[in-house]
Amino acid sequence: TGVATTFINKSVPESALLDLKHLLVEAKQTVPPVLKALEDPYEDLAAPERGGRGDDGLSNATGTKGCAFCGGLGHRITDCPKVDSQVRKIGAGKRDFLAGKSEGYGGDSLG
């Protein structure tokens, strides 16, 4: 039992705010008005006791609530900011051999 304080501002991504909103609901905590005002694309898929229809076929089929990559409750893996970040990091380290700087290999012109 205790109190945790979280400060949010305009630079916090909406997906993080939705994760926080879902975490508070899951823990049966009070959700502040600023988080209640956020439109949640998955709200109608919530359990009936949380005001939804309760027909989240994806979580029923997989047994995973929310994002399968990071565990965030306010988004799915298709909208996951951590997946986007990971893809950018992986892509930044790879050379594009067809881009013209492959030193004669991979389609550079010989002229």
Protein backbone atom coordinates (compact mmCIF):
# COMPACT_ATOMS: atom_id res chain seq x y z
CA THR A 1 0.00 0.00 0.00
CA GLY A 2 1.32 3.38 -0.92
CA VAL A 3 1.06 6.32 -3.23
CA ALA A 4 2.87 6.80 -6.52
CA THR A 5 2.92 10.11 -8.36
CA THR A 6 3.36 10.37 -12.11
CA PHE A 7 3.89 13.65 -13.88
CA ILE A 8 2.80 13.83 -17.49
CA ASN A 9 3.16 16.55 -20.09
CA LYS A 10 2.58 17.01 -23.81
CA SER A 11 5.77 15.16 -24.75
CA VAL A 12 4.55 11.83 -23.29
CA PRO A 13 3.39 9.54 -26.13
CA GLU A 14 -0.32 8.75 -26.18
CA SER A 15 0.43 5.02 -26.13
CA ALA A 16 2.23 5.45 -22.79
CA LEU A 17 -0.76 7.35 -21.40
CA LEU A 18 -3.12 4.61 -22.58
CA ASP A 19 -0.86 2.03 -20.94
CA LEU A 20 -1.05 4.00 -17.69
CA LYS A 21 -4.83 4.28 -17.98
CA HIS A 22 -5.20 0.52 -18.46
CA LEU A 23 -2.78 -0.18 -15.63
CA LEU A 24 -4.83 1.96 -13.25
CA VAL A 25 -8.06 0.26 -14.34
CA GLU A 26 -6.47 -3.18 -13.96
CA ALA A 27 -5.32 -2.28 -10.43
CA LYS A 28 -8.79 -0.89 -9.60
CA GLN A 29 -7.31 2.56 -8.96
CA THR A 30 -8.86 5.94 -9.63
CA VAL A 31 -8.29 7.07 -13.21
CA PRO A 32 -7.67 10.84 -13.42
CA PRO A 33 -9.90 12.89 -15.75
CA VAL A 34 -7.03 13.65 -18.14
CA LEU A 35 -6.61 9.91 -18.78
CA LYS A 36 -10.35 9.26 -18.90
CA ALA A 37 -10.58 11.83 -21.69
CA LEU A 38 -8.20 9.82 -23.91
CA GLU A 39 -9.99 7.95 -26.66
CA ASP A 40 -9.06 4.29 -26.39
CA PRO A 41 -9.38 2.28 -29.62
CA TYR A 42 -9.59 -0.99 -27.65
CA GLU A 43 -12.03 0.13 -24.95
CA ASP A 44 -15.04 -1.62 -26.47
CA LEU A 45 -13.07 -4.88 -26.36
CA ALA A 46 -12.67 -4.71 -22.58
CA ALA A 47 -14.41 -7.06 -20.20
CA PRO A 48 -18.09 -6.25 -19.53
CA GLU A 49 -17.36 -5.26 -15.91
CA ARG A 50 -15.05 -2.58 -17.31
CA GLY A 51 -17.71 -1.22 -19.65
CA GLY A 52 -16.79 -3.12 -22.81
CA ARG A 53 -18.43 -5.80 -24.90
CA GLY A 54 -15.97 -8.42 -23.74
CA ASP A 55 -15.43 -9.92 -27.19
CA ASP A 56 -11.70 -9.45 -27.56
CA GLY A 57 -11.09 -12.46 -29.77
CA LEU A 58 -7.35 -11.78 -30.03
CA SER A 59 -6.69 -11.90 -26.29
CA ASN A 60 -9.01 -14.89 -25.95
CA ALA A 61 -7.14 -16.72 -28.71
CA THR A 62 -3.62 -15.83 -27.59
CA GLY A 63 -4.11 -15.50 -23.84
CA THR A 64 -2.27 -12.17 -24.00
CA LYS A 65 -3.85 -8.88 -23.01
CA GLY A 66 -2.58 -5.76 -24.71
CA CYS A 67 0.75 -5.72 -26.53
CA ALA A 68 2.46 -9.07 -27.07
CA PHE A 69 5.86 -7.35 -27.47
CA CYS A 70 6.16 -5.04 -24.45
CA GLY A 71 3.17 -6.02 -22.31
CA GLY A 72 1.59 -2.55 -22.45
CA LEU A 73 -2.16 -2.66 -21.92
CA GLY A 74 -3.06 0.45 -23.89
CA HIS A 75 -2.03 -0.72 -27.35
CA ARG A 76 -1.42 -3.78 -29.54
CA ILE A 77 1.83 -4.92 -31.11
CA THR A 78 0.86 -3.26 -34.41
CA ASP A 79 0.94 0.14 -32.63
CA CYS A 80 3.84 -0.58 -30.25
CA PRO A 81 6.35 2.29 -29.99
CA LYS A 82 9.00 -0.13 -28.70
CA VAL A 83 8.69 -2.29 -31.82
CA ASP A 84 9.10 0.82 -33.98
CA SER A 85 12.19 1.81 -32.00
CA GLN A 86 13.66 -1.69 -32.28
CA VAL A 87 13.08 -1.81 -36.05
CA ARG A 88 14.80 1.57 -36.48
CA LYS A 89 17.83 0.42 -34.45
CA ILE A 90 18.17 -2.79 -36.44
CA GLY A 91 17.71 -1.01 -39.76
CA ALA A 92 20.25 1.70 -38.92
CA GLY A 93 23.05 -0.84 -38.53
CA LYS A 94 22.58 -2.53 -41.90
CA ARG A 95 24.24 -1.44 -45.13
CA ASP A 96 22.19 -1.06 -48.26
CA PHE A 97 24.27 -2.89 -50.86
CA LEU A 98 22.07 -1.66 -53.70
CA ALA A 99 22.41 2.00 -52.77
CA GLY A 100 25.54 2.61 -54.86
CA LYS A 101 28.27 2.63 -52.19
CA SER A 102 29.00 -1.06 -52.22
CA GLU A 103 32.41 -0.70 -53.90
CA GLY A 104 31.55 -2.47 -57.15
CA TYR A 105 29.27 -5.13 -55.74
CA GLY A 106 25.50 -5.33 -55.75
CA GLY A 107 24.64 -3.42 -58.88
CA ASP A 108 27.04 -0.47 -59.01
CA SER A 109 27.78 0.72 -62.51
CA LEU A 110 31.34 0.08 -63.69
CA GLY A 111 31.54 3.32 -65.64
